[in-house]
């Protein structure tokens, strides 16, 4: 499921757009109108989780040190359990390669959702300044309907989107 955020100055336009979305197969729970007076307190529940911790650990300079540490640890443990030296070397090398393969792929990481273009601080500041936000939750099959409706309304400013579940 994806969440798309849009900003607009006129709540009447957003109400018209939400009724058009409902007429094209979207249900009421998929559409959220967020304003300064109502809705901003639960805006955080719709925002993506910050992934800075995972980025710094898994995509920073520490991933090499971490994988070498794991390889050395596995080599030491394997040695005490009686593996031969040839097997130890290849096993340690396999651990390092698997770590880099599964955890440092920039586009599809196991921990990090990279399909995120939402800036929560910008959206909150726009709402605080008096603008309104439209949040639409949709499945991939509903994207064409959303695009066709949004293109009819040039007053909407795209504020970003993100996937709700990890890849």
C-alpha atoms as a PDB file:
ATOM      1  CA  UNK A   1       0.000   0.000   0.000  1.00  0.00           C
ATOM      2  CA  UNK A   2       1.174   3.502  -0.752  1.00  0.00           C
ATOM      3  CA  UNK A   3       0.379   6.854   0.782  1.00  0.00           C
ATOM      4  CA  UNK A   4       0.304   9.978  -1.377  1.00  0.00           C
ATOM      5  CA  UNK A   5       0.368  13.441   0.201  1.00  0.00           C
ATOM      6  CA  UNK A   6      -0.946  16.589  -1.520  1.00  0.00           C
ATOM      7  CA  UNK A   7      -1.172  20.190  -0.317  1.00  0.00           C
ATOM      8  CA  UNK A   8      -3.784  22.786  -1.237  1.00  0.00           C
ATOM      9  CA  UNK A   9      -4.939  26.209  -0.036  1.00  0.00           C
ATOM     10  CA  UNK A  10      -8.691  25.595  -0.395  1.00  0.00           C
ATOM     11  CA  UNK A  11     -10.520  22.965   1.646  1.00  0.00           C
ATOM     12  CA  UNK A  12     -13.463  23.082  -0.784  1.00  0.00           C
ATOM     13  CA  UNK A  13     -11.171  21.868  -3.592  1.00  0.00           C
ATOM     14  CA  UNK A  14      -9.974  19.015  -1.418  1.00  0.00           C
ATOM     15  CA  UNK A  15     -13.533  18.023  -0.563  1.00  0.00           C
ATOM     16  CA  UNK A  16     -14.379  18.006  -4.269  1.00  0.00           C
ATOM     17  CA  UNK A  17     -11.323  15.865  -5.015  1.00  0.00           C
ATOM     18  CA  UNK A  18     -12.177  13.445  -2.207  1.00  0.00           C
ATOM     19  CA  UNK A  19     -15.713  13.026  -3.560  1.00  0.00           C
ATOM     20  CA  UNK A  20     -14.269  12.374  -7.030  1.00  0.00           C
ATOM     21  CA  UNK A  21     -11.973   9.763  -5.516  1.00  0.00           C
ATOM     22  CA  UNK A  22     -14.932   8.096  -3.788  1.00  0.00           C
ATOM     23  CA  UNK A  23     -16.839   8.048  -7.081  1.00  0.00           C
ATOM     24  CA  UNK A  24     -13.877   6.295  -8.730  1.00  0.00           C
ATOM     25  CA  UNK A  25     -13.574   3.373  -6.322  1.00  0.00           C
ATOM     26  CA  UNK A  26     -11.749   4.779  -3.311  1.00  0.00           C
ATOM     27  CA  UNK A  27     -13.360   4.225   0.087  1.00  0.00           C
ATOM     28  CA  UNK A  28     -13.674   6.847   2.824  1.00  0.00           C
ATOM     29  CA  UNK A  29     -10.990   5.257   5.068  1.00  0.00           C
ATOM     30  CA  UNK A  30      -8.466   5.680   2.234  1.00  0.00           C
ATOM     31  CA  UNK A  31      -8.928   9.461   2.058  1.00  0.00           C
ATOM     32  CA  UNK A  32      -7.802  11.810   4.829  1.00  0.00           C
ATOM     33  CA  UNK A  33      -8.186  15.600   4.916  1.00  0.00           C
ATOM     34  CA  UNK A  34      -5.778  17.148   7.385  1.00  0.00           C
ATOM     35  CA  UNK A  35      -6.022  20.719   8.594  1.00  0.00           C
ATOM     36  CA  UNK A  36      -4.476  22.824  11.339  1.00  0.00           C
ATOM     37  CA  UNK A  37      -7.538  22.555  13.581  1.00  0.00           C
ATOM     38  CA  UNK A  38      -8.399  18.927  13.054  1.00  0.00           C
ATOM     39  CA  UNK A  39      -6.163  16.044  12.177  1.00  0.00           C
ATOM     40  CA  UNK A  40      -2.650  17.372  12.654  1.00  0.00           C
ATOM     41  CA  UNK A  41      -2.252  15.515  15.969  1.00  0.00           C
ATOM     42  CA  UNK A  42      -2.521  12.119  14.261  1.00  0.00           C
ATOM     43  CA  UNK A  43      -0.478  13.089  11.193  1.00  0.00           C
ATOM     44  CA  UNK A  44       2.542  11.340  12.717  1.00  0.00           C
ATOM     45  CA  UNK A  45       0.765   7.980  12.445  1.00  0.00           C
ATOM     46  CA  UNK A  46       0.756   8.348   8.666  1.00  0.00           C
ATOM     47  CA  UNK A  47       4.388   9.390   8.323  1.00  0.00           C
ATOM     48  CA  UNK A  48       7.099   6.906   7.369  1.00  0.00           C
ATOM     49  CA  UNK A  49       9.426   5.615  10.060  1.00  0.00           C
ATOM     50  CA  UNK A  50      12.786   7.342  10.142  1.00  0.00           C
ATOM     51  CA  UNK A  51      15.498   5.039   8.892  1.00  0.00           C
ATOM     52  CA  UNK A  52      18.582   7.080   9.761  1.00  0.00           C
ATOM     53  CA  UNK A  53      19.810   4.511  12.301  1.00  0.00           C
ATOM     54  CA  UNK A  54      19.764   1.717   9.735  1.00  0.00           C
ATOM     55  CA  UNK A  55      21.343   3.921   7.086  1.00  0.00           C
ATOM     56  CA  UNK A  56      24.230   4.856   9.332  1.00  0.00           C
ATOM     57  CA  UNK A  57      24.845   1.293  10.474  1.00  0.00           C
ATOM     58  CA  UNK A  58      24.275  -0.667   7.303  1.00  0.00           C
ATOM     59  CA  UNK A  59      25.102   1.793   4.553  1.00  0.00           C
ATOM     60  CA  UNK A  60      27.811   3.800   6.269  1.00  0.00           C
ATOM     61  CA  UNK A  61      31.460   3.040   6.821  1.00  0.00           C
ATOM     62  CA  UNK A  62      30.733   0.586   9.610  1.00  0.00           C
ATOM     63  CA  UNK A  63      29.345  -2.201   7.436  1.00  0.00           C
ATOM     64  CA  UNK A  64      32.832  -3.357   6.401  1.00  0.00           C
ATOM     65  CA  UNK A  65      34.059  -3.402   9.999  1.00  0.00           C
ATOM     66  CA  UNK A  66      30.939  -5.192  11.133  1.00  0.00           C
ATOM     67  CA  UNK A  67      31.167  -7.879   8.448  1.00  0.00           C
ATOM     68  CA  UNK A  68      34.890  -8.451   9.120  1.00  0.00           C
ATOM     69  CA  UNK A  69      34.148  -8.750  12.841  1.00  0.00           C
ATOM     70  CA  UNK A  70      31.401 -11.309  12.151  1.00  0.00           C
ATOM     71  CA  UNK A  71      33.699 -13.263   9.820  1.00  0.00           C
ATOM     72  CA  UNK A  72      36.496 -13.354  12.403  1.00  0.00           C
ATOM     73  CA  UNK A  73      34.048 -14.362  15.122  1.00  0.00           C
ATOM     74  CA  UNK A  74      32.653 -17.177  12.975  1.00  0.00           C
ATOM     75  CA  UNK A  75      36.172 -18.297  12.086  1.00  0.00           C
ATOM     76  CA  UNK A  76      37.187 -18.486  15.750  1.00  0.00           C
ATOM     77  CA  UNK A  77      34.044 -20.330  16.774  1.00  0.00           C
ATOM     78  CA  UNK A  78      34.330 -22.704  13.804  1.00  0.00           C
ATOM     79  CA  UNK A  79      37.959 -23.443  14.632  1.00  0.00           C
ATOM     80  CA  UNK A  80      37.052 -24.508  18.158  1.00  0.00           C
ATOM     81  CA  UNK A  81      34.342 -26.776  16.773  1.00  0.00           C
ATOM     82  CA  UNK A  82      36.858 -28.569  14.558  1.00  0.00           C
ATOM     83  CA  UNK A  83      36.350 -27.255  11.015  1.00  0.00           C
ATOM     84  CA  UNK A  84      39.396 -27.574   8.801  1.00  0.00           C
ATOM     85  CA  UNK A  85      41.243 -24.415   7.762  1.00  0.00           C
ATOM     86  CA  UNK A  86      40.108 -24.580   4.115  1.00  0.00           C
ATOM     87  CA  UNK A  87      36.471 -24.659   5.203  1.00  0.00           C
ATOM     88  CA  UNK A  88      37.000 -21.814   7.645  1.00  0.00           C
ATOM     89  CA  UNK A  89      38.348 -19.468   5.013  1.00  0.00           C
ATOM     90  CA  UNK A  90      35.562 -20.137   2.531  1.00  0.00           C
ATOM     91  CA  UNK A  91      32.905 -19.968   5.226  1.00  0.00           C
ATOM     92  CA  UNK A  92      34.170 -16.597   6.465  1.00  0.00           C
ATOM     93  CA  UNK A  93      34.353 -15.254   2.930  1.00  0.00           C
ATOM     94  CA  UNK A  94      30.784 -16.428   2.286  1.00  0.00           C
ATOM     95  CA  UNK A  95      29.562 -14.556   5.377  1.00  0.00           C
ATOM     96  CA  UNK A  96      31.145 -11.306   4.200  1.00  0.00           C
ATOM     97  CA  UNK A  97      29.749 -11.680   0.664  1.00  0.00           C
ATOM     98  CA  UNK A  98      26.270 -12.528   1.944  1.00  0.00           C
ATOM     99  CA  UNK A  99      26.293  -9.544   4.283  1.00  0.00           C
ATOM    100  CA  UNK A 100      27.132  -7.138   1.479  1.00  0.00           C
ATOM    101  CA  UNK A 101      24.642  -8.797  -0.852  1.00  0.00           C
ATOM    102  CA  UNK A 102      21.655  -8.675   1.456  1.00  0.00           C
ATOM    103  CA  UNK A 103      22.223  -5.611   3.597  1.00  0.00           C
ATOM    104  CA  UNK A 104      23.930  -2.987   1.464  1.00  0.00           C
ATOM    105  CA  UNK A 105      21.812  -3.039  -1.684  1.00  0.00           C
ATOM    106  CA  UNK A 106      20.804   0.627  -1.987  1.00  0.00           C
ATOM    107  CA  UNK A 107      17.558   0.114  -3.904  1.00  0.00           C
ATOM    108  CA  UNK A 108      15.946  -2.782  -2.027  1.00  0.00           C
ATOM    109  CA  UNK A 109      17.268  -3.128   1.473  1.00  0.00           C
ATOM    110  CA  UNK A 110      15.807  -5.543   3.985  1.00  0.00           C
ATOM    111  CA  UNK A 111      15.481  -2.852   6.649  1.00  0.00           C
ATOM    112  CA  UNK A 112      15.129   0.430   4.803  1.00  0.00           C
ATOM    113  CA  UNK A 113      12.193   1.565   2.749  1.00  0.00           C
ATOM    114  CA  UNK A 114      13.833   3.608  -0.002  1.00  0.00           C
ATOM    115  CA  UNK A 115      10.605   4.523  -1.765  1.00  0.00           C
ATOM    116  CA  UNK A 116      10.042   7.543   0.445  1.00  0.00           C
ATOM    117  CA  UNK A 117       9.730  11.105  -0.846  1.00  0.00           C
ATOM    118  CA  UNK A 118       7.832  12.526   2.138  1.00  0.00           C
ATOM    119  CA  UNK A 119       9.262  15.390   4.172  1.00  0.00           C
ATOM    120  CA  UNK A 120       7.188  15.342   7.388  1.00  0.00           C
ATOM    121  CA  UNK A 121       8.555  18.644   8.657  1.00  0.00           C
ATOM    122  CA  UNK A 122       7.624  20.435   5.432  1.00  0.00           C
ATOM    123  CA  UNK A 123       4.091  19.022   5.490  1.00  0.00           C
ATOM    124  CA  UNK A 124       3.605  20.007   9.139  1.00  0.00           C
ATOM    125  CA  UNK A 125       4.902  23.522   8.524  1.00  0.00           C
ATOM    126  CA  UNK A 126       2.589  23.928   5.519  1.00  0.00           C
ATOM    127  CA  UNK A 127      -0.387  22.795   7.614  1.00  0.00           C
ATOM    128  CA  UNK A 128       0.630  25.109  10.450  1.00  0.00           C
ATOM    129  CA  UNK A 129       0.746  28.011   7.988  1.00  0.00           C
ATOM    130  CA  UNK A 130      -2.890  27.407   7.040  1.00  0.00           C
ATOM    131  CA  UNK A 131      -2.729  25.047   4.083  1.00  0.00           C
ATOM    132  CA  UNK A 132      -4.599  21.755   3.958  1.00  0.00           C
ATOM    133  CA  UNK A 133      -3.245  18.280   3.246  1.00  0.00           C
ATOM    134  CA  UNK A 134      -4.884  15.443   1.379  1.00  0.00           C
ATOM    135  CA  UNK A 135      -3.621  11.968   2.172  1.00  0.00           C
ATOM    136  CA  UNK A 136      -4.678   9.108  -0.070  1.00  0.00           C
ATOM    137  CA  UNK A 137      -3.884   5.493   0.788  1.00  0.00           C
ATOM    138  CA  UNK A 138      -4.027   3.241  -2.229  1.00  0.00           C
ATOM    139  CA  UNK A 139      -3.015  -0.068  -3.693  1.00  0.00           C
ATOM    140  CA  UNK A 140      -0.897  -0.258  -6.856  1.00  0.00           C
ATOM    141  CA  UNK A 141      -3.957  -1.054  -8.991  1.00  0.00           C
ATOM    142  CA  UNK A 142      -5.586   2.232  -7.938  1.00  0.00           C
ATOM    143  CA  UNK A 143      -2.715   4.453  -9.103  1.00  0.00           C
ATOM    144  CA  UNK A 144      -4.154   5.127 -12.593  1.00  0.00           C
ATOM    145  CA  UNK A 145      -7.432   6.379 -11.101  1.00  0.00           C
ATOM    146  CA  UNK A 146      -5.566   8.635  -8.688  1.00  0.00           C
ATOM    147  CA  UNK A 147      -3.356  10.053 -11.446  1.00  0.00           C
ATOM    148  CA  UNK A 148      -6.327  10.800 -13.689  1.00  0.00           C
ATOM    149  CA  UNK A 149      -8.128  12.674 -10.913  1.00  0.00           C
ATOM    150  CA  UNK A 150      -5.063  14.581  -9.690  1.00  0.00           C
ATOM    151  CA  UNK A 151      -4.160  15.797 -13.192  1.00  0.00           C
ATOM    152  CA  UNK A 152      -7.561  17.515 -13.389  1.00  0.00           C
ATOM    153  CA  UNK A 153      -6.649  19.660 -10.378  1.00  0.00           C
ATOM    154  CA  UNK A 154      -3.519  21.749 -10.996  1.00  0.00           C
ATOM    155  CA  UNK A 155      -3.993  23.601  -7.689  1.00  0.00           C
ATOM    156  CA  UNK A 156      -2.734  20.527  -5.818  1.00  0.00           C
ATOM    157  CA  UNK A 157       0.928  20.496  -4.851  1.00  0.00           C
ATOM    158  CA  UNK A 158       2.498  17.043  -4.549  1.00  0.00           C
ATOM    159  CA  UNK A 159       4.021  16.686  -1.077  1.00  0.00           C
ATOM    160  CA  UNK A 160       5.443  13.189  -1.548  1.00  0.00           C
ATOM    161  CA  UNK A 161       4.595   9.529  -1.187  1.00  0.00           C
ATOM    162  CA  UNK A 162       5.853   6.431   0.533  1.00  0.00           C
ATOM    163  CA  UNK A 163       5.152   2.740   0.773  1.00  0.00           C
ATOM    164  CA  UNK A 164       3.585   1.622   4.014  1.00  0.00           C
ATOM    165  CA  UNK A 165       5.187  -1.837   4.141  1.00  0.00           C
ATOM    166  CA  UNK A 166       8.827  -2.717   3.705  1.00  0.00           C
ATOM    167  CA  UNK A 167       9.935  -4.308   0.460  1.00  0.00           C
END
